[in-house]
Every structure is written in structure tokens, then in C-alpha cells.
Amino acid sequence: AARNAETVLRHRTAETAWLFDRLDALFAEAAGRLGIPVGPVTEPVQILRYGAGGHFQLWHTDCGFDLIETRRISVSVELSEPSDYEGGLLEIVPDRMGGPRRLPRGGATFFPSRALHHVTPVTQGVRRALVAWTG
């Protein structure tokens, strides 16, 4: 399989409004820095759990051919401490996005949804991440 991770979806509800409001604000800031206009998050966010061997090996974009306007900017938020796992690095092309690096818990990587990216296999422990998009 291209992806080996457990996934839970969280929709915008009264209970999750705080999370979506925070993401909307962060996406607006990233949009200014990336020069890509966006609106609020309309899709559910994904909470991912990559156990040992977990990955998203396939190089891919988040917008494909059918979501180019729906997904303009992507984010991956680290929910695990860096010491909780080994491997599991988010790699993004082009290099202008910076090389892969381990972020602290709560750290976020924003990138154009058209950028090719993947997640290397987790070799030890568990990596948890929140993934979302906006367009």
C-alpha cells in the first residue's frame, strides 16, 4: 500500500471549532508568506498514527488533478515528541521548502499542496500527526 497509517477524521463541529479556527488563522498567515490566497478549511482534518513500519512512501501531491482549487496549501502538525519515534520524516520537493527535519511537538510544516512529498517509514516508536488542507 502507498500509505501505512491509521487515520481518524475530524469534521468541523461545535466541539472542534477551536481547532478549525486556529488552523484557519495559521493557513491565512502561511498564505501570506507563500503568496497563495486561501479561504477557511472545508475538509475534515486527518489525525494519523504511524507505527513501526508506517509510512506514506508514494511521492504524491495533495491536490492531484481534481482538487487544485480545493487544496492550495497543506499542513502537517507534529503531535508526537521527537523522542517518541525514529524515521517518519516528511520530505517535500522542491528543496526551497527546506530539507526534512524533525519538529518539536506542535511544530507545523506548511507547503503548497502541489508540492511532491512523502513520509519515510517509521523505524521505531509511534509518530502522530495532524494533516489538513485549505484552498
Protein backbone atom coordinates (compact mmCIF):
# COMPACT_ATOMS: atom_id res chain seq x y z
CA ALA A 1 0.00 0.00 0.00
CA ALA A 2 1.11 3.55 -0.68
CA ARG A 3 0.14 4.58 2.87
CA ASN A 4 0.52 2.57 6.05
CA ALA A 5 -1.05 4.61 8.86
CA GLU A 6 -4.16 4.61 11.00
CA THR A 7 -6.42 7.57 10.15
CA VAL A 8 -9.16 9.33 12.13
CA LEU A 9 -11.17 12.15 10.53
CA ARG A 10 -12.34 15.19 12.49
CA HIS A 11 -15.03 17.36 10.92
CA ARG A 12 -15.79 20.99 11.78
CA THR A 13 -18.35 20.81 14.60
CA ALA A 14 -19.11 22.85 17.72
CA GLU A 15 -16.69 20.56 19.57
CA THR A 16 -13.82 21.04 17.08
CA ALA A 17 -14.49 24.69 16.15
CA TRP A 18 -11.48 25.85 18.22
CA LEU A 19 -9.15 23.62 16.18
CA PHE A 20 -10.53 24.73 12.81
CA ASP A 21 -10.45 28.40 13.87
CA ARG A 22 -6.76 28.01 14.82
CA LEU A 23 -5.98 26.23 11.55
CA ASP A 24 -7.81 28.94 9.56
CA ALA A 25 -5.65 31.62 11.22
CA LEU A 26 -2.43 29.67 10.61
CA PHE A 27 -3.37 28.97 6.99
CA ALA A 28 -4.07 32.68 6.46
CA GLU A 29 -0.59 33.50 7.79
CA ALA A 30 1.02 30.81 5.62
CA ALA A 31 -0.94 32.06 2.59
CA GLY A 32 0.62 35.49 3.01
CA ARG A 33 4.11 34.03 3.22
CA LEU A 34 3.60 31.65 0.28
CA GLY A 35 1.67 34.16 -1.84
CA ILE A 36 -1.23 31.75 -2.29
CA PRO A 37 -4.74 33.08 -1.46
CA VAL A 38 -6.90 30.71 0.60
CA GLY A 39 -10.17 30.52 2.49
CA PRO A 40 -11.18 28.56 5.59
CA VAL A 41 -10.67 24.80 5.97
CA THR A 42 -13.67 22.97 4.48
CA GLU A 43 -12.48 19.34 4.60
CA PRO A 44 -12.15 17.19 7.71
CA VAL A 45 -8.67 17.11 9.23
CA GLN A 46 -6.84 13.81 9.47
CA ILE A 47 -5.21 12.54 12.64
CA LEU A 48 -2.58 9.99 11.59
CA ARG A 49 -0.79 7.32 13.61
CA TYR A 50 2.32 5.85 12.01
CA GLY A 51 3.56 2.82 13.98
CA ALA A 52 6.78 0.95 13.28
CA GLY A 53 6.86 0.41 9.52
CA GLY A 54 4.22 3.11 8.99
CA HIS A 55 4.78 5.41 6.02
CA PHE A 56 3.36 7.23 3.01
CA GLN A 57 6.09 6.06 0.65
CA LEU A 58 4.46 7.15 -2.61
CA TRP A 59 5.60 10.59 -3.74
CA HIS A 60 2.34 12.49 -4.22
CA THR A 61 0.64 15.87 -4.20
CA ASP A 62 -2.37 16.66 -2.04
CA CYS A 63 -4.37 18.17 -4.88
CA GLY A 64 -3.93 15.66 -7.70
CA PHE A 65 -5.76 16.75 -10.83
CA ASP A 66 -9.20 17.25 -9.30
CA LEU A 67 -8.57 19.24 -6.10
CA ILE A 68 -6.29 22.01 -7.42
CA GLU A 69 -8.52 24.83 -6.12
CA THR A 70 -9.83 22.93 -3.09
CA ARG A 71 -6.34 22.20 -1.80
CA ARG A 72 -3.84 25.03 -2.28
CA ILE A 73 -1.87 24.80 0.98
CA SER A 74 -1.22 21.69 3.10
CA VAL A 75 -0.05 21.40 6.69
CA SER A 76 1.42 18.61 8.77
CA VAL A 77 1.41 19.25 12.53
CA GLU A 78 3.56 17.07 14.78
CA LEU A 79 1.57 15.55 17.64
CA SER A 80 4.42 13.39 18.97
CA GLU A 81 7.59 14.35 20.79
CA PRO A 82 10.69 13.90 18.59
CA SER A 83 11.97 11.28 21.05
CA ASP A 84 8.83 9.15 20.57
CA TYR A 85 9.93 7.75 17.19
CA GLU A 86 12.69 7.33 14.63
CA GLY A 87 12.26 7.74 10.86
CA GLY A 88 8.88 9.07 9.75
CA LEU A 89 10.27 12.20 8.15
CA LEU A 90 8.12 14.37 5.91
CA GLU A 91 10.15 15.04 2.75
CA ILE A 92 8.98 17.77 0.36
CA VAL A 93 10.12 18.71 -3.15
CA PRO A 94 11.28 21.28 -4.16
CA ASP A 95 14.19 21.88 -1.82
CA ARG A 96 13.10 25.51 -1.34
CA MET A 97 10.73 24.13 1.29
CA GLY A 98 13.80 23.09 3.27
CA GLY A 99 15.14 19.63 3.86
CA PRO A 100 13.40 17.13 6.10
CA ARG A 101 13.75 18.00 9.75
CA ARG A 102 12.32 16.73 12.99
CA LEU A 103 9.99 19.31 14.53
CA PRO A 104 9.02 19.59 18.19
CA ARG A 105 5.54 18.53 19.28
CA GLY A 106 3.15 21.19 17.99
CA GLY A 107 5.52 22.21 15.19
CA ALA A 108 3.91 22.60 11.77
CA THR A 109 5.10 22.42 8.19
CA PHE A 110 3.05 24.41 5.65
CA PHE A 111 3.68 23.83 1.95
CA PRO A 112 1.94 24.27 -1.41
CA SER A 113 -0.43 21.33 -1.94
CA ARG A 114 1.03 20.87 -5.44
CA ALA A 115 4.47 20.06 -4.00
CA LEU A 116 5.53 16.42 -4.23
CA HIS A 117 6.05 14.88 -0.80
CA HIS A 118 6.06 11.63 1.17
CA VAL A 119 6.70 10.29 4.67
CA THR A 120 9.62 7.91 5.20
CA PRO A 121 9.00 4.70 7.18
CA VAL A 122 8.93 4.90 10.96
CA THR A 123 11.69 2.58 12.15
CA GLN A 124 10.93 2.72 15.87
CA GLY A 125 8.14 4.06 18.09
CA VAL A 126 5.00 5.92 17.01
CA ARG A 127 4.61 9.19 15.09
CA ARG A 128 1.32 11.04 15.31
CA ALA A 129 0.46 13.96 13.05
CA LEU A 130 -2.47 16.16 12.11
CA VAL A 131 -2.85 16.82 8.39
CA ALA A 132 -5.12 19.42 6.81
CA TRP A 133 -5.59 21.41 3.61
CA THR A 134 -7.25 24.60 2.50
CA GLY A 135 -7.99 26.21 -0.82
